[in-house]
Amino acid sequence: MVEPRWRLPVARSGDFLARFRPVGTPGAAATAGVPADRIVELTAELGPVLDALADTLAQAAAIRASAAEEALRRRRDGHARAEAVVVAAGERAEAEQAETLTRARGQAEDTVSQAVRAARAEAAAIEKRVGERLPAMVDRVRAAVRAELFVDARPDGTDRSTGRR
């Protein structure tokens, strides 16, 4: 069941019956009177108390306004400090990135120089092996070429394929 957003004031049964209460005490007939007005009586009774609270309410409003201003000031200060922290963190991050980049470049240069030294050492070893093996290979090739030349040569010394000497 959906409740309405507004409610009608409900009169209490005692308030309803108070309208018919006799003004005077029971007994002999008296002159007609006016029923007591409770709202006027309550206003007269509570008026001075509520008037005294007006100063307190004004002080409370001033305290709330001051607190709101203080909260706004603190929020602004907090935002400024947070922004300063972010800027400082960005600067530190840039410095760390530069330092890391320098370190990585140094490591890369060390790795490259080690690779170059290893390649030079390997090239020297290959060159040494070539120097050791080359004369024997040249002799083998020379022998093979000579064998081919002599196989194709005629007994008279001319070449079989061309007929020339």
Protein backbone atom coordinates (compact mmCIF):
# COMPACT_ATOMS: atom_id res chain seq x y z
CA MET A 1 0.00 0.00 0.00
CA VAL A 2 1.38 3.39 -0.99
CA GLU A 3 1.29 6.06 1.69
CA PRO A 4 0.37 9.58 0.63
CA ARG A 5 3.07 12.21 0.79
CA TRP A 6 0.88 14.48 2.88
CA ARG A 7 -1.24 13.81 5.92
CA LEU A 8 -4.25 15.62 7.24
CA PRO A 9 -4.06 16.66 10.89
CA VAL A 10 -6.14 14.36 13.01
CA ALA A 11 -7.99 15.85 15.91
CA ARG A 12 -7.63 13.96 19.16
CA SER A 13 -10.82 12.90 20.83
CA GLY A 14 -9.96 14.91 23.93
CA ASP A 15 -9.70 18.10 21.86
CA PHE A 16 -13.08 17.42 20.29
CA LEU A 17 -14.80 16.79 23.63
CA ALA A 18 -13.17 19.84 25.23
CA ARG A 19 -15.44 22.05 23.17
CA PHE A 20 -18.44 20.88 25.13
CA ARG A 21 -16.87 21.12 28.59
CA PRO A 22 -18.72 23.48 30.87
CA VAL A 23 -16.95 26.69 31.68
CA GLY A 24 -17.87 26.71 35.30
CA THR A 25 -18.17 24.07 37.91
CA PRO A 26 -21.38 22.07 37.98
CA GLY A 27 -23.95 23.48 40.20
CA ALA A 28 -26.12 26.52 40.11
CA ALA A 29 -26.76 28.21 36.85
CA ALA A 30 -24.19 30.75 35.92
CA THR A 31 -23.76 33.26 33.19
CA ALA A 32 -22.69 31.90 29.85
CA GLY A 33 -18.93 31.85 29.39
CA VAL A 34 -16.49 31.52 26.53
CA PRO A 35 -14.63 28.27 26.30
CA ALA A 36 -10.92 28.49 27.13
CA ASP A 37 -8.64 29.04 24.13
CA ARG A 38 -5.69 26.70 24.63
CA ILE A 39 -3.70 28.15 21.74
CA VAL A 40 -3.74 31.62 23.28
CA GLU A 41 -2.82 30.17 26.66
CA LEU A 42 0.08 28.15 25.18
CA THR A 43 1.28 31.16 23.20
CA ALA A 44 1.24 33.33 26.29
CA GLU A 45 3.01 30.64 28.30
CA LEU A 46 5.64 29.57 25.73
CA GLY A 47 6.13 32.91 23.94
CA PRO A 48 8.83 34.28 26.29
CA VAL A 49 10.67 30.94 26.27
CA LEU A 50 10.62 30.78 22.47
CA ASP A 51 11.67 34.45 22.26
CA ALA A 52 14.64 33.62 24.51
CA LEU A 53 15.52 30.79 22.12
CA ALA A 54 15.67 33.21 19.18
CA ASP A 55 19.14 34.37 20.27
CA THR A 56 20.25 30.75 20.60
CA LEU A 57 18.86 29.96 17.14
CA ALA A 58 20.74 32.96 15.70
CA GLN A 59 23.94 31.77 17.38
CA ALA A 60 23.39 28.25 16.01
CA ALA A 61 22.88 29.67 12.50
CA ALA A 62 26.07 31.73 12.84
CA ILE A 63 27.98 28.64 14.02
CA ARG A 64 26.63 26.62 11.08
CA ALA A 65 27.62 29.37 8.61
CA SER A 66 31.08 29.60 10.16
CA ALA A 67 31.45 25.82 10.02
CA ALA A 68 30.39 25.81 6.36
CA GLU A 69 32.97 28.50 5.56
CA GLU A 70 35.65 26.57 7.48
CA ALA A 71 34.74 23.36 5.64
CA LEU A 72 34.96 25.19 2.29
CA ARG A 73 38.35 26.67 3.25
CA ARG A 74 39.64 23.26 4.36
CA ARG A 75 38.34 21.68 1.16
CA ARG A 76 40.16 24.31 -0.93
CA ASP A 77 43.34 23.81 1.11
CA GLY A 78 43.02 20.05 0.70
CA HIS A 79 42.60 20.40 -3.06
CA ALA A 80 45.64 22.70 -3.23
CA ARG A 81 47.74 20.26 -1.17
CA ALA A 82 46.56 17.34 -3.28
CA GLU A 83 47.44 19.21 -6.45
CA ALA A 84 50.90 19.99 -5.05
CA VAL A 85 51.37 16.31 -4.17
CA VAL A 86 50.35 15.30 -7.71
CA VAL A 87 52.78 17.80 -9.25
CA ALA A 88 55.60 16.64 -6.98
CA ALA A 89 54.81 13.00 -7.77
CA GLY A 90 54.89 13.80 -11.50
CA GLU A 91 58.29 15.45 -11.13
CA ARG A 92 59.59 12.48 -9.12
CA ALA A 93 58.19 10.10 -11.73
CA GLU A 94 59.95 12.00 -14.52
CA ALA A 95 63.23 11.91 -12.57
CA GLU A 96 62.81 8.18 -11.90
CA GLN A 97 62.05 7.57 -15.59
CA ALA A 98 65.17 9.49 -16.64
CA GLU A 99 67.29 7.57 -14.12
CA THR A 100 65.80 4.24 -15.23
CA LEU A 101 66.38 5.15 -18.87
CA THR A 102 70.01 6.04 -18.14
CA ARG A 103 70.48 2.78 -16.26
CA ALA A 104 68.85 0.79 -19.08
CA ARG A 105 71.00 2.52 -21.70
CA GLY A 106 74.13 1.72 -19.69
CA GLN A 107 73.09 -1.92 -19.41
CA ALA A 108 72.29 -2.03 -23.13
CA GLU A 109 75.68 -0.50 -23.97
CA ASP A 110 77.40 -3.07 -21.74
CA THR A 111 75.48 -5.88 -23.44
CA VAL A 112 76.31 -4.52 -26.90
CA SER A 113 80.00 -4.11 -26.05
CA GLN A 114 80.11 -7.67 -24.69
CA ALA A 115 78.41 -8.93 -27.88
CA VAL A 116 80.90 -6.97 -30.03
CA ARG A 117 83.85 -8.39 -28.06
CA ALA A 118 82.43 -11.90 -28.43
CA ALA A 119 81.86 -11.36 -32.18
CA ARG A 120 85.41 -10.03 -32.63
CA ALA A 121 86.81 -12.99 -30.72
CA GLU A 122 84.77 -15.38 -32.85
CA ALA A 123 85.89 -13.58 -36.05
CA ALA A 124 89.51 -13.84 -34.91
CA ALA A 125 89.07 -17.55 -34.22
CA ILE A 126 87.49 -18.04 -37.66
CA GLU A 127 90.30 -16.03 -39.28
CA LYS A 128 92.87 -18.18 -37.47
CA ARG A 129 91.16 -21.38 -38.63
CA VAL A 130 90.98 -20.02 -42.19
CA GLY A 131 94.70 -19.20 -42.02
CA GLU A 132 95.42 -22.70 -40.81
CA ARG A 133 93.16 -24.49 -43.30
CA LEU A 134 93.51 -22.29 -46.39
CA PRO A 135 96.90 -23.53 -47.60
CA ALA A 136 95.73 -27.15 -47.45
CA MET A 137 92.48 -26.27 -49.25
CA VAL A 138 94.34 -24.34 -51.93
CA ASP A 139 96.64 -27.32 -52.45
CA ARG A 140 93.63 -29.65 -52.76
CA VAL A 141 91.88 -27.37 -55.24
CA ARG A 142 95.09 -26.95 -57.24
CA ALA A 143 95.53 -30.74 -57.33
CA ALA A 144 91.94 -31.26 -58.42
CA VAL A 145 92.25 -28.66 -61.19
CA ARG A 146 95.49 -30.19 -62.38
CA ALA A 147 93.92 -33.63 -62.39
CA GLU A 148 91.05 -32.33 -64.48
CA LEU A 149 93.41 -30.62 -66.86
CA PHE A 150 95.53 -33.67 -67.34
CA VAL A 151 92.50 -35.90 -67.82
CA ASP A 152 91.24 -33.71 -70.66
CA ALA A 153 94.68 -33.33 -72.27
CA ARG A 154 95.71 -35.45 -75.34
CA PRO A 155 98.98 -37.20 -75.46
CA ASP A 156 100.20 -34.62 -77.92
CA GLY A 157 99.49 -31.82 -75.33
CA THR A 158 96.44 -30.25 -76.99
CA ASP A 159 93.14 -29.80 -75.24
CA ARG A 160 90.47 -32.25 -76.33
CA SER A 161 87.58 -29.84 -76.10
CA THR A 162 89.13 -27.00 -78.10
CA GLY A 163 92.02 -28.66 -79.86
CA ARG A 164 94.45 -25.95 -78.76
CA ARG A 165 97.62 -26.21 -76.91
